[in-house]
Amino acid sequence: MDDQTVTRSVPRSVGLLGTLSIAALVALGLWGFADSYLIESGDYFAPTVAVFIATVVFIGALVVLGARSKEWLEGPYW
């Protein structure tokens, strides 16, 4: 069976819904961050920034490890 004849098991609308929900969560998080830390007291500003940076570094490391894997497109998911 040719790879191009395989139908998609997940409709594109589900991917769009996932992308929109992530964008909404990011917007809500940024609004909450600005409302709580930047406008009101900044007691937890430094720890919040530190956790954010650690999270970005951790996710970035996972992306790099996954992209460097030689079998990342050969798995059954793709």
Protein backbone atom coordinates (compact mmCIF):
# COMPACT_ATOMS: atom_id res chain seq x y z
CA MET A 1 0.00 0.00 0.00
CA ASP A 2 1.32 3.39 -0.97
CA ASP A 3 1.83 5.88 1.88
CA GLN A 4 -0.01 8.59 -0.02
CA THR A 5 -3.21 6.56 -0.29
CA VAL A 6 -3.58 6.14 3.45
CA THR A 7 -6.40 8.31 4.76
CA ARG A 8 -5.92 10.46 7.80
CA SER A 9 -7.31 8.91 10.96
CA VAL A 10 -7.62 12.29 12.69
CA PRO A 11 -9.59 15.03 10.96
CA ARG A 12 -7.91 18.38 10.45
CA SER A 13 -10.55 20.06 12.60
CA VAL A 14 -9.27 18.18 15.66
CA GLY A 15 -5.77 19.52 15.06
CA LEU A 16 -7.17 23.01 14.61
CA LEU A 17 -9.16 22.67 17.83
CA GLY A 18 -6.02 21.57 19.68
CA THR A 19 -4.03 24.49 18.31
CA LEU A 20 -6.74 26.98 19.23
CA SER A 21 -7.05 25.58 22.75
CA ILE A 22 -3.30 25.85 23.30
CA ALA A 23 -3.34 29.42 21.98
CA ALA A 24 -6.23 30.24 24.34
CA LEU A 25 -4.36 28.76 27.30
CA VAL A 26 -1.24 30.77 26.43
CA ALA A 27 -3.28 33.97 26.13
CA LEU A 28 -5.03 33.26 29.44
CA GLY A 29 -1.70 32.56 31.12
CA LEU A 30 -0.14 35.74 29.80
CA TRP A 31 -3.15 37.76 30.92
CA GLY A 32 -3.00 36.20 34.39
CA PHE A 33 0.75 36.83 34.58
CA ALA A 34 0.36 40.47 33.61
CA ASP A 35 -2.59 40.99 35.93
CA SER A 36 -1.06 39.30 38.97
CA TYR A 37 2.65 40.02 38.80
CA LEU A 38 3.19 43.09 36.71
CA ILE A 39 0.25 45.23 37.87
CA GLU A 40 -0.06 44.12 41.49
CA SER A 41 2.74 43.14 43.86
CA GLY A 42 5.75 41.41 42.38
CA ASP A 43 6.58 39.15 45.32
CA TYR A 44 6.71 36.01 43.19
CA PHE A 45 8.03 37.57 40.01
CA ALA A 46 11.58 36.15 40.17
CA PRO A 47 10.49 32.58 41.02
CA THR A 48 7.90 32.69 38.25
CA VAL A 49 10.46 33.78 35.68
CA ALA A 50 12.89 31.09 36.90
CA VAL A 51 10.27 28.35 36.54
CA PHE A 52 9.32 29.65 33.09
CA ILE A 53 12.96 29.58 31.94
CA ALA A 54 13.50 26.10 33.38
CA THR A 55 10.37 24.86 31.59
CA VAL A 56 11.45 26.35 28.26
CA VAL A 57 14.92 24.79 28.60
CA PHE A 58 13.46 21.39 29.54
CA ILE A 59 10.97 21.35 26.65
CA GLY A 60 13.66 22.58 24.28
CA ALA A 61 15.97 19.74 25.37
CA LEU A 62 13.19 17.21 24.76
CA VAL A 63 12.58 18.64 21.30
CA VAL A 64 16.28 18.46 20.45
CA LEU A 65 16.52 14.87 21.69
CA GLY A 66 13.45 13.90 19.68
CA ALA A 67 14.65 15.65 16.52
CA ARG A 68 18.08 14.01 16.73
CA SER A 69 16.58 10.54 17.00
CA LYS A 70 17.09 8.56 13.81
CA GLU A 71 13.80 6.73 14.20
CA TRP A 72 11.49 9.63 14.99
CA LEU A 73 9.66 9.41 11.67
CA GLU A 74 9.82 5.62 11.43
CA GLY A 75 7.54 5.01 14.39
CA PRO A 76 3.93 3.84 14.03
CA TYR A 77 2.61 7.28 14.96
CA TRP A 78 3.78 8.85 11.73
